[in-house]
Amino acid sequence: MDNARDARHDRDDRDDRSAVEDWEQRLAARWAELDAYEKEGDPAGFRARIAELAAERPEDDPVALFERGAAHDSTGEPEQAVRLYRRALDSGLTGLRRRRAVIQLASSLRNLGRPDLAVELLTEERAVPADRLDADEAALSGAVDAFLALALADTGREREAASLALGALAPLLPRYNRSLAHYARDLLKTAGPS
């Protein structure tokens, strides 16, 4: 009896994984169509296609909310994106999508004239310990720094923004990375021109 129940449970798990993989593949195909929708001047059509896929999941599914938010964000509707990103995060979005949602929420808030909120969100995100991030999440650390630099610049903290941006760039250079990292830190120590 237990063997039959275990086998049924294993089969159900495989079916669930297969359904999720299929949904993710169809989602990726929709995102690959974004440029075509933009060329046609049909951002609403793109949002509708993403909304159709999202409707296959439960109403408050954090992944579906995030993808709908990203569709609004990518088609010039940051207000709706902010609302959906917040709902996704409040609904328990995890992993790589959670980190992407924080970055994209902060970017949208900055674009809506709230760089102070973007700085707050990204400063918190930057403080997440590296051992709590998987490799994909850690790979977005440079994006966190880049968007934080933009928000800092918009709040009048240009030297901090430049320091952060240069510090993020330094490891990527084939040469001068040590010097650039040093100069980036020095920007925070020295006063700018008056």
N, C-alpha and C. Protein backbone atom coordinates (compact mmCIF):
# COMPACT_ATOMS: atom_id res chain seq x y z
N MET A 1 0.83 -1.19 0.00
CA MET A 1 0.00 0.00 0.00
C MET A 1 0.87 1.25 0.00
N ASP A 2 1.88 1.29 0.87
CA ASP A 2 2.77 2.46 0.92
C ASP A 2 3.56 2.61 -0.37
N ASN A 3 3.96 1.50 -0.98
CA ASN A 3 4.71 1.57 -2.24
C ASN A 3 3.87 2.19 -3.35
N ALA A 4 2.60 1.82 -3.42
CA ALA A 4 1.72 2.38 -4.45
C ALA A 4 1.52 3.88 -4.22
N ARG A 5 1.35 4.27 -2.96
CA ARG A 5 1.17 5.69 -2.64
C ARG A 5 2.43 6.48 -2.96
N ASP A 6 3.61 5.92 -2.64
CA ASP A 6 4.88 6.57 -2.95
C ASP A 6 5.07 6.72 -4.45
N ALA A 7 4.73 5.68 -5.20
CA ALA A 7 4.87 5.73 -6.66
C ALA A 7 3.95 6.79 -7.24
N ARG A 8 2.71 6.87 -6.74
CA ARG A 8 1.76 7.88 -7.21
C ARG A 8 2.27 9.28 -6.88
N HIS A 9 2.84 9.45 -5.68
CA HIS A 9 3.40 10.73 -5.25
C HIS A 9 4.58 11.14 -6.14
N ASP A 10 5.47 10.18 -6.44
CA ASP A 10 6.61 10.46 -7.33
C ASP A 10 6.13 10.87 -8.72
N ARG A 11 5.10 10.18 -9.23
CA ARG A 11 4.56 10.49 -10.56
C ARG A 11 3.95 11.90 -10.56
N ASP A 12 3.23 12.23 -9.50
CA ASP A 12 2.64 13.57 -9.39
C ASP A 12 3.72 14.64 -9.35
N ASP A 13 4.80 14.39 -8.61
CA ASP A 13 5.91 15.35 -8.55
C ASP A 13 6.53 15.56 -9.92
N ARG A 14 6.74 14.46 -10.67
CA ARG A 14 7.30 14.57 -12.03
C ARG A 14 6.36 15.36 -12.93
N ASP A 15 5.06 15.11 -12.81
CA ASP A 15 4.08 15.83 -13.62
C ASP A 15 4.09 17.32 -13.29
N ASP A 16 4.18 17.65 -12.00
CA ASP A 16 4.24 19.05 -11.57
C ASP A 16 5.49 19.73 -12.13
N ARG A 17 6.64 19.05 -12.02
CA ARG A 17 7.89 19.63 -12.55
C ARG A 17 7.80 19.82 -14.05
N SER A 18 7.22 18.86 -14.73
CA SER A 18 7.08 18.94 -16.18
C SER A 18 6.18 20.12 -16.57
N ALA A 19 5.10 20.31 -15.83
CA ALA A 19 4.18 21.42 -16.11
C ALA A 19 4.87 22.76 -15.88
N VAL A 20 5.65 22.86 -14.81
CA VAL A 20 6.38 24.11 -14.53
C VAL A 20 7.42 24.37 -15.62
N GLU A 21 8.14 23.34 -16.02
CA GLU A 21 9.15 23.51 -17.08
C GLU A 21 8.49 23.95 -18.39
N ASP A 22 7.34 23.37 -18.71
CA ASP A 22 6.61 23.76 -19.92
C ASP A 22 6.19 25.22 -19.84
N TRP A 23 5.66 25.63 -18.69
CA TRP A 23 5.22 27.02 -18.51
C TRP A 23 6.41 27.96 -18.65
N GLU A 24 7.54 27.62 -18.05
CA GLU A 24 8.73 28.45 -18.14
C GLU A 24 9.22 28.57 -19.60
N GLN A 25 9.15 27.48 -20.35
CA GLN A 25 9.57 27.52 -21.75
C GLN A 25 8.63 28.41 -22.57
N ARG A 26 7.35 28.30 -22.33
CA ARG A 26 6.39 29.16 -23.04
C ARG A 26 6.58 30.62 -22.66
N LEU A 27 6.89 30.87 -21.39
CA LEU A 27 7.17 32.23 -20.92
C LEU A 27 8.41 32.80 -21.63
N ALA A 28 9.47 32.01 -21.68
CA ALA A 28 10.69 32.46 -22.36
C ALA A 28 10.41 32.77 -23.83
N ALA A 29 9.57 31.97 -24.46
CA ALA A 29 9.22 32.23 -25.86
C ALA A 29 8.47 33.56 -26.00
N ARG A 30 7.59 33.86 -25.06
CA ARG A 30 6.86 35.14 -25.10
C ARG A 30 7.84 36.31 -24.95
N TRP A 31 8.76 36.19 -23.99
CA TRP A 31 9.73 37.27 -23.78
C TRP A 31 10.61 37.46 -25.01
N ALA A 32 10.88 36.40 -25.73
CA ALA A 32 11.68 36.51 -26.95
C ALA A 32 10.94 37.29 -28.03
N GLU A 33 9.63 37.44 -27.88
CA GLU A 33 8.81 38.18 -28.85
C GLU A 33 8.68 39.66 -28.53
N LEU A 34 9.23 40.12 -27.41
CA LEU A 34 9.05 41.50 -26.98
C LEU A 34 9.46 42.50 -28.06
N ASP A 35 10.61 42.33 -28.67
CA ASP A 35 11.06 43.28 -29.70
C ASP A 35 10.09 43.35 -30.87
N ALA A 36 9.53 42.23 -31.26
CA ALA A 36 8.57 42.22 -32.37
C ALA A 36 7.33 43.04 -32.01
N TYR A 37 6.85 42.89 -30.77
CA TYR A 37 5.69 43.67 -30.33
C TYR A 37 6.03 45.16 -30.31
N GLU A 38 7.26 45.48 -29.89
CA GLU A 38 7.66 46.89 -29.88
C GLU A 38 7.72 47.45 -31.30
N LYS A 39 8.27 46.67 -32.24
CA LYS A 39 8.33 47.12 -33.63
C LYS A 39 6.94 47.37 -34.19
N GLU A 40 6.00 46.52 -33.81
CA GLU A 40 4.62 46.67 -34.29
C GLU A 40 3.86 47.75 -33.53
N GLY A 41 4.48 48.31 -32.50
CA GLY A 41 3.80 49.33 -31.70
C GLY A 41 2.64 48.75 -30.91
N ASP A 42 2.81 47.51 -30.43
CA ASP A 42 1.73 46.83 -29.73
C ASP A 42 2.15 46.36 -28.34
N PRO A 43 2.53 47.30 -27.45
CA PRO A 43 2.91 46.87 -26.11
C PRO A 43 1.76 46.20 -25.35
N ALA A 44 0.53 46.64 -25.62
CA ALA A 44 -0.62 46.03 -24.94
C ALA A 44 -0.77 44.57 -25.35
N GLY A 45 -0.46 44.26 -26.59
CA GLY A 45 -0.52 42.87 -27.05
C GLY A 45 0.48 42.00 -26.31
N PHE A 46 1.67 42.54 -26.11
CA PHE A 46 2.69 41.79 -25.36
C PHE A 46 2.23 41.56 -23.93
N ARG A 47 1.74 42.60 -23.28
CA ARG A 47 1.26 42.46 -21.90
C ARG A 47 0.13 41.43 -21.82
N ALA A 48 -0.73 41.42 -22.82
CA ALA A 48 -1.84 40.46 -22.84
C ALA A 48 -1.32 39.02 -22.94
N ARG A 49 -0.29 38.79 -23.75
CA ARG A 49 0.26 37.45 -23.89
C ARG A 49 0.87 36.97 -22.57
N ILE A 50 1.58 37.87 -21.88
CA ILE A 50 2.15 37.50 -20.58
C ILE A 50 1.03 37.27 -19.56
N ALA A 51 -0.01 38.11 -19.61
CA ALA A 51 -1.14 37.96 -18.69
C ALA A 51 -1.86 36.63 -18.91
N GLU A 52 -1.95 36.18 -20.17
CA GLU A 52 -2.57 34.88 -20.46
C GLU A 52 -1.80 33.75 -19.77
N LEU A 53 -0.49 33.81 -19.88
CA LEU A 53 0.33 32.78 -19.21
C LEU A 53 0.20 32.88 -17.70
N ALA A 54 0.21 34.10 -17.18
CA ALA A 54 0.10 34.30 -15.74
C ALA A 54 -1.24 33.76 -15.22
N ALA A 55 -2.27 33.86 -16.03
CA ALA A 55 -3.60 33.40 -15.62
C ALA A 55 -3.67 31.88 -15.45
N GLU A 56 -2.67 31.17 -15.95
CA GLU A 56 -2.61 29.71 -15.78
C GLU A 56 -2.18 29.33 -14.36
N ARG A 57 -1.70 30.30 -13.63
CA ARG A 57 -1.22 30.04 -12.27
C ARG A 57 -2.24 30.63 -11.29
N PRO A 58 -2.15 30.28 -10.01
CA PRO A 58 -3.08 30.86 -9.03
C PRO A 58 -3.02 32.39 -9.02
N GLU A 59 -4.10 33.01 -8.62
CA GLU A 59 -4.24 34.48 -8.69
C GLU A 59 -3.11 35.24 -8.00
N ASP A 60 -2.70 34.80 -6.82
CA ASP A 60 -1.64 35.50 -6.08
C ASP A 60 -0.30 34.80 -6.18
N ASP A 61 -0.09 34.05 -7.26
CA ASP A 61 1.18 33.37 -7.47
C ASP A 61 2.28 34.42 -7.66
N PRO A 62 3.32 34.41 -6.81
CA PRO A 62 4.34 35.46 -6.89
C PRO A 62 5.09 35.49 -8.22
N VAL A 63 5.31 34.33 -8.83
CA VAL A 63 6.02 34.30 -10.12
C VAL A 63 5.16 34.96 -11.20
N ALA A 64 3.89 34.63 -11.23
CA ALA A 64 2.99 35.23 -12.22
C ALA A 64 2.89 36.75 -12.02
N LEU A 65 2.80 37.18 -10.77
CA LEU A 65 2.74 38.61 -10.49
C LEU A 65 4.02 39.31 -10.96
N PHE A 66 5.16 38.68 -10.67
CA PHE A 66 6.44 39.26 -11.11
C PHE A 66 6.49 39.38 -12.62
N GLU A 67 6.12 38.33 -13.33
CA GLU A 67 6.21 38.36 -14.80
C GLU A 67 5.26 39.40 -15.39
N ARG A 68 4.08 39.54 -14.81
CA ARG A 68 3.17 40.60 -15.26
C ARG A 68 3.77 41.97 -14.99
N GLY A 69 4.39 42.13 -13.81
CA GLY A 69 5.04 43.40 -13.50
C GLY A 69 6.15 43.71 -14.48
N ALA A 70 6.96 42.71 -14.79
CA ALA A 70 8.06 42.90 -15.73
C ALA A 70 7.54 43.27 -17.12
N ALA A 71 6.41 42.69 -17.51
CA ALA A 71 5.82 43.02 -18.82
C ALA A 71 5.38 44.49 -18.85
N HIS A 72 4.76 44.95 -17.77
CA HIS A 72 4.38 46.36 -17.70
C HIS A 72 5.62 47.25 -17.69
N ASP A 73 6.61 46.85 -16.93
CA ASP A 73 7.86 47.62 -16.82
C ASP A 73 8.53 47.74 -18.19
N SER A 74 8.60 46.63 -18.90
CA SER A 74 9.30 46.59 -20.19
C SER A 74 8.55 47.31 -21.30
N THR A 75 7.29 47.63 -21.06
CA THR A 75 6.50 48.31 -22.08
C THR A 75 6.05 49.71 -21.64
N GLY A 76 6.79 50.28 -20.69
CA GLY A 76 6.58 51.68 -20.35
C GLY A 76 5.46 51.99 -19.39
N GLU A 77 5.09 51.04 -18.55
CA GLU A 77 4.05 51.28 -17.55
C GLU A 77 4.60 51.01 -16.15
N PRO A 78 5.50 51.90 -15.68
CA PRO A 78 6.15 51.65 -14.39
C PRO A 78 5.20 51.67 -13.19
N GLU A 79 4.11 52.45 -13.26
CA GLU A 79 3.20 52.49 -12.11
C GLU A 79 2.59 51.12 -11.86
N GLN A 80 2.10 50.47 -12.94
CA GLN A 80 1.53 49.14 -12.80
C GLN A 80 2.60 48.14 -12.40
N ALA A 81 3.80 48.31 -12.93
CA ALA A 81 4.90 47.41 -12.59
C ALA A 81 5.20 47.46 -11.10
N VAL A 82 5.26 48.65 -10.54
CA VAL A 82 5.54 48.81 -9.11
C VAL A 82 4.51 48.06 -8.28
N ARG A 83 3.26 48.23 -8.62
CA ARG A 83 2.18 47.57 -7.87
C ARG A 83 2.36 46.04 -7.93
N LEU A 84 2.64 45.52 -9.11
CA LEU A 84 2.77 44.07 -9.27
C LEU A 84 4.05 43.53 -8.63
N TYR A 85 5.14 44.26 -8.75
CA TYR A 85 6.38 43.83 -8.09
C TYR A 85 6.18 43.75 -6.58
N ARG A 86 5.52 44.75 -6.02
CA ARG A 86 5.29 44.75 -4.57
C ARG A 86 4.41 43.57 -4.16
N ARG A 87 3.38 43.31 -4.94
CA ARG A 87 2.52 42.16 -4.64
C ARG A 87 3.29 40.86 -4.73
N ALA A 88 4.16 40.73 -5.74
CA ALA A 88 4.96 39.50 -5.89
C ALA A 88 5.87 39.32 -4.69
N LEU A 89 6.54 40.37 -4.29
CA LEU A 89 7.43 40.28 -3.14
C LEU A 89 6.65 39.98 -1.86
N ASP A 90 5.50 40.63 -1.68
CA ASP A 90 4.67 40.39 -0.51
C ASP A 90 4.08 38.99 -0.49
N SER A 91 3.94 38.38 -1.68
CA SER A 91 3.39 37.03 -1.79
C SER A 91 4.45 35.95 -1.64
N GLY A 92 5.69 36.35 -1.38
CA GLY A 92 6.71 35.35 -1.10
C GLY A 92 7.62 34.98 -2.26
N LEU A 93 7.79 35.86 -3.22
CA LEU A 93 8.69 35.59 -4.33
C LEU A 93 10.08 35.25 -3.79
N THR A 94 10.72 34.25 -4.36
CA THR A 94 12.02 33.79 -3.86
C THR A 94 13.05 33.70 -4.98
N GLY A 95 14.28 33.46 -4.58
CA GLY A 95 15.36 33.14 -5.51
C GLY A 95 15.72 34.28 -6.45
N LEU A 96 16.12 33.90 -7.64
CA LEU A 96 16.57 34.86 -8.64
C LEU A 96 15.49 35.88 -8.98
N ARG A 97 14.26 35.41 -9.10
CA ARG A 97 13.18 36.35 -9.43
C ARG A 97 12.98 37.37 -8.31
N ARG A 98 13.18 36.98 -7.06
CA ARG A 98 13.05 37.94 -5.97
C ARG A 98 14.09 39.05 -6.13
N ARG A 99 15.33 38.66 -6.42
CA ARG A 99 16.38 39.67 -6.58
C ARG A 99 16.08 40.56 -7.79
N ARG A 100 15.64 39.96 -8.88
CA ARG A 100 15.27 40.74 -10.06
C ARG A 100 14.13 41.70 -9.74
N ALA A 101 13.16 41.23 -8.96
CA ALA A 101 12.02 42.09 -8.61
C ALA A 101 12.47 43.30 -7.80
N VAL A 102 13.39 43.10 -6.88
CA VAL A 102 13.89 44.23 -6.08
C VAL A 102 14.60 45.24 -6.99
N ILE A 103 15.45 44.76 -7.87
CA ILE A 103 16.17 45.65 -8.79
C ILE A 103 15.18 46.39 -9.68
N GLN A 104 14.25 45.67 -10.26
CA GLN A 104 13.31 46.27 -11.20
C GLN A 104 12.33 47.20 -10.49
N LEU A 105 11.91 46.85 -9.29
CA LEU A 105 11.06 47.74 -8.49
C LEU A 105 11.80 49.04 -8.20
N ALA A 106 13.04 48.93 -7.77
CA ALA A 106 13.83 50.12 -7.46
C ALA A 106 14.01 50.99 -8.70
N SER A 107 14.28 50.37 -9.84
CA SER A 107 14.45 51.12 -11.09
C SER A 107 13.16 51.85 -11.46
N SER A 108 12.03 51.16 -11.33
CA SER A 108 10.74 51.79 -11.64
C SER A 108 10.44 52.94 -10.69
N LEU A 109 10.72 52.74 -9.41
CA LEU A 109 10.51 53.83 -8.45
C LEU A 109 11.38 55.03 -8.79
N ARG A 110 12.61 54.79 -9.16
CA ARG A 110 13.52 55.87 -9.57
C ARG A 110 12.94 56.60 -10.77
N ASN A 111 12.45 55.86 -11.74
CA ASN A 111 11.86 56.47 -12.94
C ASN A 111 10.60 57.25 -12.63
N LEU A 112 9.94 56.90 -11.55
CA LEU A 112 8.73 57.61 -11.14
C LEU A 112 9.02 58.77 -10.18
N GLY A 113 10.30 59.10 -10.02
CA GLY A 113 10.68 60.24 -9.20
C GLY A 113 10.88 59.92 -7.73
N ARG A 114 11.06 58.65 -7.39
CA ARG A 114 11.28 58.25 -5.99
C ARG A 114 12.64 57.56 -5.83
N PRO A 115 13.72 58.25 -6.20
CA PRO A 115 15.04 57.63 -6.06
C PRO A 115 15.39 57.32 -4.61
N ASP A 116 14.81 58.05 -3.67
CA ASP A 116 15.06 57.79 -2.26
C ASP A 116 14.61 56.38 -1.86
N LEU A 117 13.44 55.97 -2.37
CA LEU A 117 12.96 54.62 -2.09
C LEU A 117 13.83 53.58 -2.80
N ALA A 118 14.29 53.92 -4.00
CA ALA A 118 15.18 53.01 -4.73
C ALA A 118 16.47 52.80 -3.96
N VAL A 119 17.03 53.89 -3.43
CA VAL A 119 18.26 53.78 -2.63
C VAL A 119 18.03 52.87 -1.43
N GLU A 120 16.91 53.06 -0.76
CA GLU A 120 16.61 52.24 0.42
C GLU A 120 16.52 50.75 0.06
N LEU A 121 15.75 50.43 -0.98
CA LEU A 121 15.60 49.04 -1.40
C LEU A 121 16.92 48.41 -1.81
N LEU A 122 17.68 49.13 -2.62
CA LEU A 122 18.92 48.55 -3.15
C LEU A 122 20.03 48.49 -2.10
N THR A 123 20.01 49.41 -1.16
CA THR A 123 20.98 49.35 -0.06
C THR A 123 20.71 48.10 0.78
N GLU A 124 19.43 47.82 1.04
CA GLU A 124 19.07 46.59 1.77
C GLU A 124 19.47 45.36 0.96
N GLU A 125 19.22 45.39 -0.33
CA GLU A 125 19.55 44.24 -1.18
C GLU A 125 21.06 44.02 -1.23
N ARG A 126 21.79 45.08 -1.28
CA ARG A 126 23.26 45.00 -1.33
C ARG A 126 23.81 44.39 -0.04
N ALA A 127 23.08 44.54 1.05
CA ALA A 127 23.53 44.03 2.35
C ALA A 127 23.21 42.55 2.57
N VAL A 128 22.50 41.93 1.63
CA VAL A 128 22.20 40.50 1.78
C VAL A 128 23.52 39.74 1.74
N PRO A 129 23.80 38.92 2.76
CA PRO A 129 25.08 38.20 2.80
C PRO A 129 25.26 37.28 1.59
N ALA A 130 26.45 37.23 1.06
CA ALA A 130 26.75 36.42 -0.13
C ALA A 130 26.40 34.96 0.08
N ASP A 131 26.53 34.46 1.30
CA ASP A 131 26.24 33.04 1.53
C ASP A 131 24.74 32.73 1.50
N ARG A 132 23.91 33.76 1.41
CA ARG A 132 22.46 33.55 1.27
C ARG A 132 22.02 33.63 -0.19
N LEU A 133 22.96 33.87 -1.11
CA LEU A 133 22.64 33.98 -2.53
C LEU A 133 23.17 32.77 -3.28
N ASP A 134 22.39 32.28 -4.24
CA ASP A 134 22.94 31.24 -5.09
C ASP A 134 23.75 31.92 -6.19
N ALA A 135 24.37 31.14 -7.06
CA ALA A 135 25.27 31.70 -8.07
C ALA A 135 24.55 32.68 -9.00
N ASP A 136 23.32 32.37 -9.40
CA ASP A 136 22.57 33.26 -10.30
C ASP A 136 22.22 34.57 -9.61
N GLU A 137 21.83 34.48 -8.35
CA GLU A 137 21.51 35.70 -7.60
C GLU A 137 22.76 36.54 -7.39
N ALA A 138 23.87 35.89 -7.06
CA ALA A 138 25.13 36.61 -6.85
C ALA A 138 25.59 37.29 -8.13
N ALA A 139 25.29 36.68 -9.26
CA ALA A 139 25.69 37.26 -10.55
C ALA A 139 25.01 38.61 -10.80
N LEU A 140 23.93 38.88 -10.10
CA LEU A 140 23.24 40.16 -10.25
C LEU A 140 23.75 41.24 -9.30
N SER A 141 24.81 40.96 -8.55
CA SER A 141 25.34 41.96 -7.63
C SER A 141 25.78 43.22 -8.35
N GLY A 142 26.37 43.07 -9.51
CA GLY A 142 26.76 44.24 -10.29
C GLY A 142 25.56 45.06 -10.72
N ALA A 143 24.46 44.40 -11.02
CA ALA A 143 23.23 45.13 -11.39
C ALA A 143 22.69 45.89 -10.19
N VAL A 144 22.74 45.27 -9.02
CA VAL A 144 22.31 45.97 -7.80
C VAL A 144 23.13 47.25 -7.64
N ASP A 145 24.45 47.12 -7.79
CA ASP A 145 25.33 48.29 -7.65
C ASP A 145 25.05 49.34 -8.72
N ALA A 146 24.84 48.90 -9.96
CA ALA A 146 24.61 49.85 -11.06
C ALA A 146 23.33 50.65 -10.83
N PHE A 147 22.25 49.97 -10.46
CA PHE A 147 20.99 50.69 -10.25
C PHE A 147 21.03 51.52 -8.97
N LEU A 148 21.77 51.07 -7.98
CA LEU A 148 21.96 51.88 -6.78
C LEU A 148 22.74 53.14 -7.13
N ALA A 149 23.74 53.02 -7.99
CA ALA A 149 24.52 54.19 -8.40
C ALA A 149 23.62 55.21 -9.10
N LEU A 150 22.74 54.74 -9.97
CA LEU A 150 21.81 55.66 -10.65
C LEU A 150 20.91 56.38 -9.63
N ALA A 151 20.39 55.62 -8.67
CA ALA A 151 19.50 56.21 -7.67
C ALA A 151 20.26 57.19 -6.78
N LEU A 152 21.49 56.83 -6.40
CA LEU A 152 22.30 57.75 -5.60
C LEU A 152 22.54 59.06 -6.34
N ALA A 153 22.86 58.97 -7.62
CA ALA A 153 23.08 60.18 -8.43
C ALA A 153 21.84 61.04 -8.44
N ASP A 154 20.67 60.41 -8.54
CA ASP A 154 19.42 61.17 -8.57
C ASP A 154 19.07 61.80 -7.23
N THR A 155 19.69 61.33 -6.16
CA THR A 155 19.43 61.93 -4.85
C THR A 155 20.51 62.94 -4.48
N GLY A 156 21.40 63.25 -5.43
CA GLY A 156 22.44 64.24 -5.18
C GLY A 156 23.69 63.67 -4.55
N ARG A 157 23.82 62.37 -4.53
CA ARG A 157 24.98 61.71 -3.92
C ARG A 157 25.89 61.16 -5.02
N GLU A 158 26.34 62.09 -5.89
CA GLU A 158 27.08 61.70 -7.08
C GLU A 158 28.41 61.01 -6.78
N ARG A 159 29.12 61.47 -5.77
CA ARG A 159 30.42 60.85 -5.46
C ARG A 159 30.23 59.40 -5.00
N GLU A 160 29.21 59.15 -4.20
CA GLU A 160 28.92 57.77 -3.80
C GLU A 160 28.54 56.94 -5.02
N ALA A 161 27.75 57.56 -5.91
CA ALA A 161 27.33 56.85 -7.13
C ALA A 161 28.53 56.50 -7.99
N ALA A 162 29.42 57.45 -8.19
CA ALA A 162 30.61 57.19 -9.01
C ALA A 162 31.49 56.13 -8.35
N SER A 163 31.66 56.21 -7.06
CA SER A 163 32.47 55.23 -6.33
C SER A 163 31.90 53.83 -6.50
N LEU A 164 30.60 53.70 -6.34
CA LEU A 164 29.95 52.41 -6.46
C LEU A 164 30.06 51.86 -7.88
N ALA A 165 29.81 52.72 -8.87
CA ALA A 165 29.88 52.28 -10.26
C ALA A 165 31.30 51.86 -10.64
N LEU A 166 32.28 52.65 -10.24
CA LEU A 166 33.67 52.32 -10.56
C LEU A 166 34.11 51.07 -9.81
N GLY A 167 33.67 50.92 -8.59
CA GLY A 167 34.00 49.71 -7.83
C GLY A 167 33.41 48.46 -8.47
N ALA A 168 32.21 48.57 -9.04
CA ALA A 168 31.59 47.44 -9.73
C ALA A 168 32.30 47.14 -11.05
N LEU A 169 32.80 48.18 -11.69
CA LEU A 169 33.48 48.02 -12.97
C LEU A 169 34.89 47.46 -12.82
N ALA A 170 35.57 47.80 -11.75
CA ALA A 170 36.98 47.46 -11.57
C ALA A 170 37.30 45.97 -11.81
N PRO A 171 36.55 45.04 -11.23
CA PRO A 171 36.92 43.62 -11.43
C PRO A 171 36.77 43.14 -12.87
N LEU A 172 36.05 43.88 -13.69
CA LEU A 172 35.80 43.47 -15.06
C LEU A 172 36.89 43.91 -16.04
N LEU A 173 37.75 44.80 -15.60
CA LEU A 173 38.79 45.33 -16.48
C LEU A 173 39.96 44.36 -16.61
N PRO A 174 40.54 44.28 -17.80
CA PRO A 174 41.69 43.39 -17.97
C PRO A 174 42.95 43.94 -17.30
N ARG A 175 43.02 45.24 -17.11
CA ARG A 175 44.14 45.89 -16.44
C ARG A 175 43.59 47.02 -15.59
N TYR A 176 44.41 47.50 -14.71
CA TYR A 176 44.10 48.68 -13.88
C TYR A 176 42.98 48.44 -12.87
N ASN A 177 42.54 47.20 -12.70
CA ASN A 177 41.42 46.97 -11.80
C ASN A 177 41.77 47.29 -10.35
N ARG A 178 42.98 47.00 -9.94
CA ARG A 178 43.38 47.32 -8.56
C ARG A 178 43.41 48.84 -8.35
N SER A 179 43.99 49.57 -9.29
CA SER A 179 44.06 51.03 -9.18
C SER A 179 42.67 51.64 -9.18
N LEU A 180 41.83 51.18 -10.10
CA LEU A 180 40.49 51.74 -10.20
C LEU A 180 39.70 51.48 -8.92
N ALA A 181 39.81 50.29 -8.36
CA ALA A 181 39.11 49.99 -7.11
C ALA A 181 39.59 50.92 -5.99
N HIS A 182 40.89 51.17 -5.96
CA HIS A 182 41.46 52.08 -4.96
C HIS A 182 40.91 53.50 -5.14
N TYR A 183 40.91 53.98 -6.37
CA TYR A 183 40.40 55.33 -6.64
C TYR A 183 38.90 55.43 -6.35
N ALA A 184 38.18 54.37 -6.60
CA ALA A 184 36.74 54.37 -6.31
C ALA A 184 36.51 54.56 -4.81
N ARG A 185 37.30 53.86 -3.99
CA ARG A 185 37.17 54.04 -2.53
C ARG A 185 37.58 55.45 -2.12
N ASP A 186 38.61 55.99 -2.77
CA ASP A 186 39.07 57.34 -2.44
C ASP A 186 38.04 58.42 -2.74
N LEU A 187 37.17 58.18 -3.70
CA LEU A 187 36.13 59.17 -3.99
C LEU A 187 35.28 59.47 -2.76
N LEU A 188 35.11 58.49 -1.91
CA LEU A 188 34.30 58.68 -0.71
C LEU A 188 35.06 59.42 0.39
N LYS A 189 36.39 59.40 0.30
CA LYS A 189 37.22 60.03 1.33
C LYS A 189 37.50 61.49 1.05
N THR A 190 37.57 61.86 -0.21
CA THR A 190 37.96 63.22 -0.57
C THR A 190 36.75 64.05 -0.95
N ALA A 191 36.83 65.30 -0.63
CA ALA A 191 35.75 66.22 -1.01
C ALA A 191 35.88 66.58 -2.46
N GLY A 192 34.76 66.75 -3.10
CA GLY A 192 34.77 67.14 -4.50
C GLY A 192 35.05 68.62 -4.65
N PRO A 193 35.15 69.08 -5.90
CA PRO A 193 35.39 70.50 -6.13
C PRO A 193 34.23 71.35 -5.62
N SER A 194 34.56 72.51 -5.08
CA SER A 194 33.49 73.35 -4.55
C SER A 194 33.03 74.38 -5.53
